[in-house]
Amino acid sequence: MSELPLQTLQNHIEKVFVGKTAVVQNALTTLLAEGHLLIEDVPGVGKTTLALALARAIGCTFQRIQFTSDMMPSDILGVSVLNTHTQNFEFRPGPIFHPVVLADELNRATPRTQSALLECMNERQVSMDGVTHPLPEPFFVLATQNPHEHHGTFPLPESQLDRFTMRLSIGYPDARHEKTILALGTNGADVRHLEACTNTAQMQRWIAAVKKLHVASTVDDYLLSLVEATRGDRLAAGRASARLYAGPRSCPSG
């Protein structure tokens, strides 16, 4: 498959994920930065469509994990089972072993299960019975949670929220784009049949190119000044502009 501009990939995804150019750009930016995305929005605005369209466009496998309160870490990571023929334990990978994973309603899982996923996101590997199993490359998690429904949920603490590179909402489409969505149909056939326009090898080359980008010292100074600005009023009695101040992990190299 020949090289193609990144804009072509974005346009290809927007054939089925209509009217949300900024959301597609932010998702691709997060992927190229080797980060993960948290989408906070109501059901039915296209979160699954976005994740599946991205996976289909880059020609990789996709897995949707519906989180519930009774889900265990092994339901995500996998399990070791006894092979009765060899009398050895063999690892059976869980649904996390896919390049694109949709962690749907992550806040409905218990903290223990949430931590298992977030550790995979951070370490990009699964350790089971003393053996390390690397996750695919690229590896991109899109997690979702409904910000308006909190019954039976386990809110993610700040120490886990900052494992996501970006948090955003999709929002409802405008009337013009909603008519296009209506014409495409609601059974999801369009996204399921979306052909790949690139592959994971190309994605890895783009990710490698991002790492080589030169950032001028003046840009670093500007970013650090934004981080420091969140702490600027902590000496001002009785008021604060931020609930929590940005820490070193928020810095560009953190």
Protein backbone atom coordinates (compact mmCIF):
# COMPACT_ATOMS: atom_id res chain seq x y z
CA MET A 1 0.00 0.00 0.00
CA SER A 2 1.47 3.35 -1.05
CA GLU A 3 2.09 6.30 1.24
CA LEU A 4 -0.77 8.74 1.66
CA PRO A 5 -1.21 12.09 3.38
CA LEU A 6 -2.65 12.01 6.88
CA GLN A 7 -5.45 14.24 5.61
CA THR A 8 -6.58 11.37 3.36
CA LEU A 9 -6.98 9.11 6.40
CA GLN A 10 -9.03 11.78 8.17
CA ASN A 11 -11.28 12.25 5.13
CA HIS A 12 -11.74 8.49 4.85
CA ILE A 13 -12.94 8.23 8.46
CA GLU A 14 -15.31 11.15 7.92
CA LYS A 15 -17.12 9.21 5.22
CA VAL A 16 -18.89 7.30 7.99
CA PHE A 17 -18.30 9.54 11.04
CA VAL A 18 -20.00 12.61 9.68
CA GLY A 19 -19.82 16.25 10.70
CA LYS A 20 -17.24 16.04 13.48
CA THR A 21 -13.96 17.04 11.86
CA ALA A 22 -12.41 18.38 15.08
CA VAL A 23 -13.20 15.13 16.93
CA VAL A 24 -11.52 13.03 14.21
CA GLN A 25 -8.49 15.33 14.22
CA ASN A 26 -8.18 15.08 18.01
CA ALA A 27 -8.53 11.28 17.93
CA LEU A 28 -5.80 10.98 15.30
CA THR A 29 -3.59 13.43 17.21
CA THR A 30 -3.94 11.31 20.35
CA LEU A 31 -3.14 8.12 18.42
CA LEU A 32 -0.04 9.65 16.81
CA ALA A 33 1.13 10.83 20.24
CA GLU A 34 0.78 7.22 21.49
CA GLY A 35 -1.83 8.39 23.97
CA HIS A 36 -5.36 7.36 24.85
CA LEU A 37 -8.68 9.16 24.54
CA LEU A 38 -11.53 9.61 27.04
CA ILE A 39 -14.88 10.55 25.53
CA GLU A 40 -17.42 11.93 27.99
CA ASP A 41 -20.81 12.11 26.35
CA VAL A 42 -24.34 10.73 26.27
CA PRO A 43 -25.17 7.47 24.45
CA GLY A 44 -25.88 7.52 20.75
CA VAL A 45 -23.58 10.27 19.49
CA GLY A 46 -21.18 8.00 17.58
CA LYS A 47 -18.48 6.87 20.01
CA THR A 48 -18.49 3.28 18.74
CA THR A 49 -18.66 4.47 15.14
CA LEU A 50 -15.58 6.63 15.63
CA ALA A 51 -13.55 3.80 17.18
CA LEU A 52 -14.60 1.21 14.60
CA ALA A 53 -14.10 3.60 11.67
CA LEU A 54 -10.57 4.38 12.87
CA ALA A 55 -9.72 0.69 13.16
CA ARG A 56 -11.21 -0.14 9.76
CA ALA A 57 -9.44 2.77 8.08
CA ILE A 58 -5.99 1.68 9.28
CA GLY A 59 -6.70 -1.99 8.60
CA CYS A 60 -6.42 -3.35 12.13
CA THR A 61 -8.63 -5.34 14.49
CA PHE A 62 -11.08 -3.68 16.86
CA GLN A 63 -12.57 -4.79 20.14
CA ARG A 64 -15.41 -3.23 22.13
CA ILE A 65 -15.46 -4.01 25.86
CA GLN A 66 -18.73 -3.22 27.66
CA PHE A 67 -17.76 -2.52 31.26
CA THR A 68 -20.05 -3.64 34.09
CA SER A 69 -19.76 -3.76 37.86
CA ASP A 70 -19.20 -7.54 37.91
CA MET A 71 -16.35 -7.51 35.39
CA MET A 72 -13.03 -8.87 36.65
CA PRO A 73 -9.51 -7.91 35.49
CA SER A 74 -9.14 -11.34 33.86
CA ASP A 75 -12.13 -10.51 31.64
CA ILE A 76 -9.93 -7.84 30.06
CA LEU A 77 -6.40 -9.20 30.34
CA GLY A 78 -6.94 -12.91 29.71
CA VAL A 79 -6.38 -16.07 31.75
CA SER A 80 -3.95 -18.96 32.09
CA VAL A 81 -5.63 -22.33 31.50
CA LEU A 82 -4.32 -25.86 31.94
CA ASN A 83 -3.63 -27.77 28.76
CA THR A 84 -4.59 -31.31 29.71
CA HIS A 85 -2.41 -32.78 26.95
CA THR A 86 0.83 -31.04 27.93
CA GLN A 87 -0.05 -30.46 31.62
CA ASN A 88 1.21 -26.89 31.19
CA PHE A 89 -0.62 -23.63 31.70
CA GLU A 90 -1.20 -21.63 28.54
CA PHE A 91 -2.10 -17.97 28.34
CA ARG A 92 -5.33 -17.11 26.55
CA PRO A 93 -5.24 -13.40 25.63
CA GLY A 94 -8.20 -11.23 26.60
CA PRO A 95 -9.93 -8.55 24.53
CA ILE A 96 -7.27 -5.96 25.39
CA PHE A 97 -4.96 -7.58 22.81
CA HIS A 98 -6.20 -5.50 19.87
CA PRO A 99 -4.71 -2.34 18.34
CA VAL A 100 -7.92 -0.33 18.84
CA VAL A 101 -10.01 -0.96 21.96
CA LEU A 102 -13.25 0.77 22.92
CA ALA A 103 -13.63 0.69 26.72
CA ASP A 104 -17.33 1.50 26.89
CA GLU A 105 -18.66 3.02 30.14
CA LEU A 106 -15.38 2.53 31.96
CA ASN A 107 -16.77 4.14 35.11
CA ARG A 108 -19.20 1.24 35.59
CA ALA A 109 -16.32 -1.14 36.38
CA THR A 110 -14.93 -1.48 39.88
CA PRO A 111 -11.68 0.35 40.73
CA ARG A 112 -9.76 -2.93 40.57
CA THR A 113 -10.85 -3.57 36.99
CA GLN A 114 -10.34 0.06 36.01
CA SER A 115 -6.78 -0.15 37.33
CA ALA A 116 -6.09 -3.27 35.26
CA LEU A 117 -7.04 -1.43 32.07
CA LEU A 118 -5.18 1.74 33.00
CA GLU A 119 -2.03 -0.26 33.77
CA CYS A 120 -2.20 -1.79 30.29
CA MET A 121 -2.60 1.68 28.81
CA ASN A 122 0.45 2.95 30.64
CA GLU A 123 2.75 -0.08 30.37
CA ARG A 124 1.54 -1.36 26.97
CA GLN A 125 1.92 -4.91 28.20
CA VAL A 126 0.18 -7.55 30.32
CA SER A 127 1.99 -9.49 33.03
CA MET A 128 0.48 -12.85 33.91
CA ASP A 129 2.08 -15.55 36.08
CA GLY A 130 5.45 -13.83 35.85
CA VAL A 131 5.39 -13.67 32.04
CA THR A 132 5.15 -10.38 30.14
CA HIS A 133 2.95 -10.25 27.04
CA PRO A 134 3.42 -7.13 24.87
CA LEU A 135 0.34 -5.44 23.47
CA PRO A 136 0.00 -4.68 19.74
CA GLU A 137 1.57 -1.67 18.09
CA PRO A 138 -0.06 0.72 17.67
CA PHE A 139 -2.21 0.39 20.78
CA PHE A 140 -5.03 2.89 21.23
CA VAL A 141 -7.76 2.90 23.89
CA LEU A 142 -10.89 5.01 23.50
CA ALA A 143 -12.74 4.97 26.82
CA THR A 144 -16.21 6.41 27.35
CA GLN A 145 -18.32 7.50 30.27
CA ASN A 146 -21.69 9.20 30.54
CA PRO A 147 -21.25 12.45 32.51
CA HIS A 148 -24.99 12.72 33.23
CA GLU A 149 -25.67 9.29 34.73
CA HIS A 150 -23.86 8.38 37.94
CA HIS A 151 -26.05 5.67 39.52
CA GLY A 152 -24.00 2.50 40.01
CA THR A 153 -20.76 4.04 38.74
CA PHE A 154 -17.23 4.30 40.14
CA PRO A 155 -15.82 7.72 39.19
CA LEU A 156 -12.24 7.68 37.95
CA PRO A 157 -9.89 9.44 40.39
CA GLU A 158 -7.66 12.26 39.17
CA SER A 159 -4.60 9.99 39.34
CA GLN A 160 -6.23 7.78 36.69
CA LEU A 161 -7.89 10.48 34.61
CA ASP A 162 -4.51 11.94 33.73
CA ARG A 163 -3.54 8.65 32.09
CA PHE A 164 -5.64 9.88 29.18
CA THR A 165 -3.89 12.23 26.81
CA MET A 166 -7.13 13.95 25.87
CA ARG A 167 -10.69 14.24 27.18
CA LEU A 168 -13.47 15.46 24.91
CA SER A 169 -17.14 15.22 24.06
CA ILE A 170 -18.61 14.60 20.61
CA GLY A 171 -21.90 16.45 20.90
CA TYR A 172 -24.92 16.25 18.62
CA PRO A 173 -24.60 16.83 14.86
CA ASP A 174 -26.12 19.84 13.18
CA ALA A 175 -29.24 19.46 11.02
CA ARG A 176 -27.36 19.20 7.72
CA HIS A 177 -25.02 16.44 8.88
CA GLU A 178 -27.79 14.63 10.74
CA LYS A 179 -29.67 14.29 7.45
CA THR A 180 -26.55 12.70 5.95
CA ILE A 181 -26.39 10.29 8.88
CA LEU A 182 -30.05 9.43 8.33
CA ALA A 183 -29.34 8.68 4.67
CA LEU A 184 -26.44 6.40 5.63
CA GLY A 185 -28.75 4.38 7.88
CA THR A 186 -28.50 3.39 11.52
CA ASN A 187 -27.57 -0.30 11.23
CA GLY A 188 -23.84 0.40 11.06
CA ALA A 189 -23.31 -1.35 7.73
CA ASP A 190 -21.44 1.63 6.29
CA VAL A 191 -18.74 1.58 8.96
CA ARG A 192 -18.47 -2.21 9.05
CA HIS A 193 -17.81 -2.25 5.30
CA LEU A 194 -15.39 0.68 5.32
CA GLU A 195 -12.24 -0.39 3.49
CA ALA A 196 -8.76 0.30 4.81
CA CYS A 197 -6.93 3.21 3.22
CA THR A 198 -3.64 2.57 5.05
CA ASN A 199 -2.13 0.02 7.43
CA THR A 200 -0.51 -0.25 10.85
CA ALA A 201 2.99 -0.11 9.35
CA GLN A 202 2.18 3.33 7.94
CA MET A 203 0.77 4.39 11.31
CA GLN A 204 4.01 3.31 13.00
CA ARG A 205 6.00 5.43 10.54
CA TRP A 206 3.81 8.44 11.30
CA ILE A 207 4.22 7.86 15.05
CA ALA A 208 7.99 7.62 14.61
CA ALA A 209 7.98 10.86 12.61
CA VAL A 210 6.06 12.65 15.38
CA LYS A 211 8.75 11.66 17.88
CA LYS A 212 11.38 13.32 15.68
CA LEU A 213 9.59 16.68 15.48
CA HIS A 214 11.73 19.51 16.82
CA VAL A 215 10.06 21.71 19.43
CA ALA A 216 11.67 25.10 19.89
CA SER A 217 12.74 26.13 23.37
CA THR A 218 10.36 29.09 23.23
CA VAL A 219 7.43 26.70 22.74
CA ASP A 220 8.58 24.70 25.78
CA ASP A 221 8.71 27.93 27.77
CA TYR A 222 5.16 28.81 26.72
CA LEU A 223 3.80 25.36 27.66
CA LEU A 224 5.55 25.49 31.03
CA SER A 225 4.13 28.94 31.67
CA LEU A 226 0.62 27.51 31.17
CA VAL A 227 1.36 24.75 33.69
CA GLU A 228 2.70 27.28 36.18
CA ALA A 229 -0.35 29.53 35.65
CA THR A 230 -2.55 26.85 37.22
CA ARG A 231 -0.56 27.30 40.44
CA GLY A 232 -0.29 31.05 40.34
CA ASP A 233 -3.09 31.86 42.76
CA ARG A 234 -2.37 29.32 45.47
CA LEU A 235 -1.10 32.11 47.73
CA ALA A 236 -4.22 34.19 47.17
CA ALA A 237 -6.39 33.74 50.24
CA GLY A 238 -9.79 32.20 49.78
CA ARG A 239 -9.84 31.64 46.04
CA ALA A 240 -8.45 29.30 43.42
CA SER A 241 -8.71 29.17 39.64
CA ALA A 242 -8.05 25.42 39.47
CA ARG A 243 -9.35 22.57 41.61
CA LEU A 244 -6.02 20.76 41.29
CA TYR A 245 -2.75 22.25 40.11
CA ALA A 246 -0.90 20.77 37.16
CA GLY A 247 2.01 18.54 38.17
CA PRO A 248 5.23 17.57 36.37
CA ARG A 249 3.41 14.79 34.49
CA SER A 250 1.48 17.56 32.73
CA CYS A 251 4.69 18.96 31.27
CA PRO A 252 5.44 18.33 27.58
CA SER A 253 7.96 15.57 28.29
CA GLY A 254 5.98 14.10 31.19
